[in-house]
Amino acid sequence: MKVEDIDLLLGKIRDSSGLDEFVVIGSLSALGLVADGLPPRMTWSMEVDAYPERDPKRAHEFSKQFGENSAFHQEHGYYFDAVSPDLPTLPAGWEKRMLRQVLPCGVKVKYLEPNDCAVSKYARSEPKDREWIRAGIEAGILSLPTIEYRMRETRFMDDAEHAMAKSSVAEDRLWFQGLRSLPT
């Protein structure tokens, strides 16, 4: 996925709804940091997890026309995935760290800062989320110390989610130390 793809999708949604400000969370939030040069594992998602900034409840209005299995999805291979700002587990202050971008179509987008996104992904700790995180760490886009600090400022759904996130971070720290010790 590229910024141009998000531009096309959100531009079409803007044309049909009049909404021109969106928040992108999830894997593709990394596109707010740099348009090119991201590891493929950080941009391979076919889902643009997003919601209208000023009226998040309207996100589901776009599912039929632009969501999974829509004509847009069939034609372009990716789709709008309506989400809520309350959905992910995020650290305190995430809203202030959003990355801002005006797309060529004129739509204004705020992207979740990638380290904040990583906290949410650690809370889930699904294999695809862990791959995204490790790709970001290897590329120097994500910082384990920053993620660990922000995890201390995060309200997890429950103790089990928090324990899983901490365990996954510990595993990734060992993995990363192993990478750094390899001869170059």
Protein backbone atom coordinates (compact mmCIF):
# COMPACT_ATOMS: atom_id res chain seq x y z
CA MET A 1 0.00 0.00 0.00
CA LYS A 2 1.18 3.50 -0.77
CA VAL A 3 0.03 7.01 0.11
CA GLU A 4 -1.34 7.25 -3.44
CA ASP A 5 -3.71 4.39 -2.65
CA ILE A 6 -4.99 6.11 0.48
CA ASP A 7 -5.34 9.31 -1.55
CA LEU A 8 -7.54 7.55 -4.10
CA LEU A 9 -9.72 5.84 -1.48
CA LEU A 10 -10.22 8.80 0.84
CA GLY A 11 -10.68 11.14 -2.12
CA LYS A 12 -13.55 8.98 -3.37
CA ILE A 13 -15.07 8.83 0.11
CA ARG A 14 -14.80 12.61 0.35
CA ASP A 15 -16.52 12.98 -3.02
CA SER A 16 -19.42 10.79 -1.91
CA SER A 17 -19.77 12.06 1.68
CA GLY A 18 -18.37 15.58 1.84
CA LEU A 19 -16.06 14.54 4.70
CA ASP A 20 -12.48 15.64 4.20
CA GLU A 21 -10.67 14.85 7.46
CA PHE A 22 -9.79 11.29 8.47
CA VAL A 23 -7.75 9.43 11.07
CA VAL A 24 -5.78 6.37 9.93
CA ILE A 25 -4.78 3.85 12.58
CA GLY A 26 -3.32 0.35 12.29
CA SER A 27 -0.50 -0.87 10.08
CA LEU A 28 -0.82 1.83 7.45
CA SER A 29 -0.28 4.58 10.00
CA ALA A 30 3.42 4.19 9.17
CA LEU A 31 2.68 5.94 5.86
CA GLY A 32 2.29 9.17 7.81
CA LEU A 33 5.97 9.02 8.69
CA VAL A 34 7.47 8.50 5.25
CA ALA A 35 5.83 7.99 1.89
CA ASP A 36 8.52 5.72 0.46
CA GLY A 37 11.15 3.39 1.80
CA LEU A 38 9.09 1.63 4.45
CA PRO A 39 9.68 -2.09 4.90
CA PRO A 40 7.09 -4.00 2.85
CA ARG A 41 5.86 -5.79 6.00
CA MET A 42 4.75 -2.42 7.38
CA THR A 43 2.58 -1.57 4.37
CA TRP A 44 1.24 -4.90 3.13
CA SER A 45 -2.21 -4.44 4.69
CA MET A 46 -5.18 -4.29 2.32
CA GLU A 47 -7.26 -2.61 5.02
CA VAL A 48 -7.22 1.15 5.51
CA ASP A 49 -8.30 1.23 9.17
CA ALA A 50 -9.81 4.70 9.45
CA TYR A 51 -12.64 6.92 10.61
CA PRO A 52 -13.81 10.47 9.87
CA GLU A 53 -12.11 12.73 12.40
CA ARG A 54 -15.07 15.00 13.15
CA ASP A 55 -17.76 12.30 13.08
CA PRO A 56 -16.27 8.84 13.79
CA LYS A 57 -19.70 7.20 13.94
CA ARG A 58 -20.14 7.81 10.21
CA ALA A 59 -17.26 5.45 9.37
CA HIS A 60 -19.63 2.52 8.84
CA GLU A 61 -21.55 4.46 6.17
CA PHE A 62 -18.72 3.75 3.73
CA SER A 63 -18.58 -0.03 4.13
CA LYS A 64 -20.96 -0.93 1.30
CA GLN A 65 -19.31 1.30 -1.28
CA PHE A 66 -15.67 1.15 -0.15
CA GLY A 67 -15.39 -1.69 2.40
CA GLU A 68 -14.40 -5.32 2.17
CA ASN A 69 -15.86 -7.10 -0.88
CA SER A 70 -17.13 -3.80 -2.34
CA ALA A 71 -16.69 -2.92 -6.01
CA PHE A 72 -13.84 -0.61 -4.93
CA HIS A 73 -12.14 -3.52 -3.15
CA GLN A 74 -12.58 -5.81 -6.15
CA GLU A 75 -11.15 -3.20 -8.53
CA HIS A 76 -8.23 -1.92 -6.43
CA GLY A 77 -7.36 -4.80 -4.08
CA TYR A 78 -7.71 -2.79 -0.86
CA TYR A 79 -10.57 -1.28 1.10
CA PHE A 80 -11.80 1.05 3.84
CA ASP A 81 -12.12 -0.72 7.20
CA ALA A 82 -14.37 1.33 9.48
CA VAL A 83 -12.94 1.56 12.98
CA SER A 84 -13.64 3.53 16.13
CA PRO A 85 -11.21 5.80 17.98
CA ASP A 86 -12.10 3.75 21.07
CA LEU A 87 -11.12 0.44 19.46
CA PRO A 88 -7.36 0.13 19.98
CA THR A 89 -5.43 0.03 23.23
CA LEU A 90 -3.36 3.22 23.07
CA PRO A 91 -1.04 5.13 25.41
CA ALA A 92 -2.05 8.40 27.03
CA GLY A 93 -1.38 11.40 24.81
CA TRP A 94 -1.61 9.53 21.49
CA GLU A 95 -3.86 12.22 20.01
CA LYS A 96 -1.13 14.86 20.46
CA ARG A 97 1.46 12.76 18.63
CA MET A 98 -0.60 12.16 15.47
CA LEU A 99 1.24 12.72 12.19
CA ARG A 100 -0.53 15.14 9.85
CA GLN A 101 -0.64 15.07 6.08
CA VAL A 102 -2.67 16.73 3.35
CA LEU A 103 -3.16 14.27 0.50
CA PRO A 104 -2.95 15.40 -3.15
CA CYS A 105 -6.77 15.12 -3.35
CA GLY A 106 -7.04 17.69 -0.55
CA VAL A 107 -8.16 15.30 2.20
CA LYS A 108 -6.50 15.96 5.56
CA VAL A 109 -5.26 12.83 7.32
CA LYS A 110 -3.94 12.23 10.79
CA TYR A 111 -1.94 9.04 11.19
CA LEU A 112 -1.31 7.26 14.44
CA GLU A 113 2.35 7.74 15.39
CA PRO A 114 4.06 4.37 14.69
CA ASN A 115 5.34 3.77 18.25
CA ASP A 116 1.79 4.35 19.55
CA CYS A 117 0.56 1.90 16.93
CA ALA A 118 3.14 -0.61 18.15
CA VAL A 119 1.74 -0.40 21.70
CA SER A 120 -1.67 -1.32 20.31
CA LYS A 121 -0.16 -4.14 18.25
CA TYR A 122 1.68 -5.52 21.29
CA ALA A 123 -1.64 -5.53 23.16
CA ARG A 124 -3.00 -7.87 20.48
CA SER A 125 0.28 -9.69 19.81
CA GLU A 126 -1.05 -11.44 16.73
CA PRO A 127 1.62 -12.88 14.40
CA LYS A 128 1.02 -10.27 11.67
CA ASP A 129 1.28 -7.50 14.28
CA ARG A 130 4.54 -8.89 15.60
CA GLU A 131 5.93 -9.03 12.04
CA TRP A 132 4.96 -5.37 11.54
CA ILE A 133 6.69 -4.41 14.78
CA ARG A 134 9.87 -6.35 14.02
CA ALA A 135 10.08 -4.83 10.54
CA GLY A 136 9.80 -1.38 12.12
CA ILE A 137 12.45 -2.14 14.72
CA GLU A 138 14.85 -3.53 12.10
CA ALA A 139 14.36 -0.41 9.95
CA GLY A 140 14.89 1.96 12.88
CA ILE A 141 11.34 3.31 12.56
CA LEU A 142 10.22 1.94 15.92
CA SER A 143 12.03 2.26 19.24
CA LEU A 144 11.65 -0.41 21.92
CA PRO A 145 12.55 2.05 24.72
CA THR A 146 9.89 4.48 23.45
CA ILE A 147 7.32 1.69 23.18
CA GLU A 148 8.12 0.44 26.69
CA TYR A 149 7.82 3.96 28.10
CA ARG A 150 4.46 4.47 26.41
CA MET A 151 3.23 1.10 27.62
CA ARG A 152 3.59 2.45 31.17
CA GLU A 153 1.14 5.20 30.13
CA THR A 154 -1.38 2.77 28.64
CA ARG A 155 -4.64 1.50 30.08
CA PHE A 156 -4.89 -2.08 28.91
CA MET A 157 -8.25 -3.87 28.67
CA ASP A 158 -7.22 -6.27 31.43
CA ASP A 159 -4.22 -7.77 33.22
CA ALA A 160 -3.95 -10.60 30.67
CA GLU A 161 -3.62 -8.15 27.77
CA HIS A 162 -0.99 -6.17 29.67
CA ALA A 163 0.97 -9.33 30.55
CA MET A 164 0.88 -10.52 26.94
CA ALA A 165 2.14 -7.15 25.70
CA LYS A 166 5.00 -7.11 28.22
CA SER A 167 5.96 -10.68 27.35
CA SER A 168 6.00 -9.88 23.63
CA VAL A 169 8.19 -6.81 24.20
CA ALA A 170 10.64 -8.92 26.23
CA GLU A 171 10.77 -11.50 23.41
CA ASP A 172 11.43 -8.78 20.86
CA ARG A 173 14.16 -7.23 22.98
CA LEU A 174 15.98 -10.58 23.03
CA TRP A 175 15.37 -11.02 19.30
CA PHE A 176 16.76 -7.55 18.57
CA GLN A 177 19.82 -8.11 20.77
CA GLY A 178 20.47 -11.28 18.78
CA LEU A 179 20.27 -9.31 15.53
CA ARG A 180 22.75 -6.72 16.77
CA SER A 181 25.23 -9.41 17.83
CA LEU A 182 25.36 -10.96 14.36
CA PRO A 183 28.54 -10.19 12.41
CA THR A 184 28.05 -7.68 9.61
